Amino acid sequence: MQDAGMERQALSHIESLVAEEHKLFDKGALSDADSSRLATIQVELDRYWDLLRQRRAARETGHDPKDAQLRPPGIVENYKG
């Protein structure tokens, strides 16, 4: 049960970040502060989506999803896909 709660928290955080991202996009022209915040949001979204992928992959392969960790931005942002 606690495991599902962790994923719900991550998804809730993602939803909050996406809502903020949309508000910034809706502004049109962004100030430097808004542009900086948008970049921060996008990195945070990448980190949390990565965390969810790690947890789901662990579960599917018989490992403990609790071992998944929020990775640093430098790692997540340098993935090659």
Protein backbone atom coordinates (compact mmCIF):
# COMPACT_ATOMS: atom_id res chain seq x y z
CA MET A 1 0.00 0.00 0.00
CA GLN A 2 2.79 2.39 0.88
CA ASP A 3 4.33 1.69 -2.54
CA ALA A 4 1.19 2.94 -4.32
CA GLY A 5 1.23 6.03 -2.12
CA MET A 6 4.74 6.89 -3.27
CA GLU A 7 3.68 6.72 -6.90
CA ARG A 8 0.58 8.80 -6.21
CA GLN A 9 2.79 11.45 -4.60
CA ALA A 10 5.13 11.48 -7.59
CA LEU A 11 2.20 11.72 -10.02
CA SER A 12 0.63 14.50 -7.97
CA HIS A 13 3.92 16.42 -8.06
CA ILE A 14 4.13 15.89 -11.83
CA GLU A 15 0.56 17.17 -12.27
CA SER A 16 1.37 20.26 -10.23
CA LEU A 17 4.49 20.96 -12.29
CA VAL A 18 2.61 20.45 -15.56
CA ALA A 19 -0.09 22.90 -14.43
CA GLU A 20 2.55 25.49 -13.61
CA GLU A 21 4.30 24.82 -16.91
CA HIS A 22 1.03 25.41 -18.80
CA LYS A 23 0.44 28.67 -16.96
CA LEU A 24 3.86 29.88 -18.03
CA PHE A 25 3.30 28.79 -21.65
CA ASP A 26 -0.05 30.59 -21.65
CA LYS A 27 1.69 33.87 -20.79
CA GLY A 28 3.29 33.99 -24.21
CA ALA A 29 6.39 36.16 -23.84
CA LEU A 30 8.26 35.21 -20.69
CA SER A 31 10.42 37.31 -18.42
CA ASP A 32 13.90 36.06 -17.59
CA ALA A 33 12.59 34.81 -14.24
CA ASP A 34 9.71 32.97 -15.94
CA SER A 35 12.08 31.42 -18.49
CA SER A 36 14.35 30.28 -15.70
CA ARG A 37 11.41 28.81 -13.76
CA LEU A 38 10.19 27.02 -16.90
CA ALA A 39 13.62 25.44 -17.40
CA THR A 40 13.65 24.34 -13.75
CA ILE A 41 10.17 22.82 -14.09
CA GLN A 42 11.14 20.91 -17.22
CA VAL A 43 14.19 19.39 -15.52
CA GLU A 44 12.11 18.48 -12.46
CA LEU A 45 9.51 16.83 -14.71
CA ASP A 46 12.23 14.77 -16.40
CA ARG A 47 13.54 13.67 -12.99
CA TYR A 48 10.12 12.60 -11.71
CA TRP A 49 9.15 10.78 -14.93
CA ASP A 50 12.50 8.98 -14.70
CA LEU A 51 11.74 8.01 -11.10
CA LEU A 52 8.38 6.54 -12.12
CA ARG A 53 10.01 4.62 -15.00
CA GLN A 54 12.62 3.22 -12.59
CA ARG A 55 9.93 2.12 -10.14
CA ARG A 56 7.81 0.48 -12.82
CA ALA A 57 10.80 -1.28 -14.36
CA ALA A 58 11.85 -2.58 -10.95
CA ARG A 59 8.37 -3.91 -10.27
CA GLU A 60 8.15 -5.60 -13.69
CA THR A 61 11.50 -7.32 -13.21
CA GLY A 62 10.82 -8.55 -9.68
CA HIS A 63 12.90 -5.93 -7.89
CA ASP A 64 11.81 -3.59 -5.11
CA PRO A 65 10.46 -0.28 -6.51
CA LYS A 66 11.52 1.40 -3.28
CA ASP A 67 15.11 1.09 -4.49
CA ALA A 68 14.40 3.63 -7.24
CA GLN A 69 15.96 7.01 -6.57
CA LEU A 70 15.40 10.52 -7.83
CA ARG A 71 18.47 11.01 -10.00
CA PRO A 72 20.43 14.27 -10.23
CA PRO A 73 19.56 16.61 -13.11
CA GLY A 74 22.95 16.08 -14.74
CA ILE A 75 22.25 12.39 -15.18
CA VAL A 76 18.63 12.64 -16.32
CA GLU A 77 19.25 15.53 -18.70
CA ASN A 78 22.11 13.72 -20.46
CA TYR A 79 20.20 10.59 -21.45
CA LYS A 80 20.50 9.64 -25.09
CA GLY A 81 17.28 8.25 -26.50
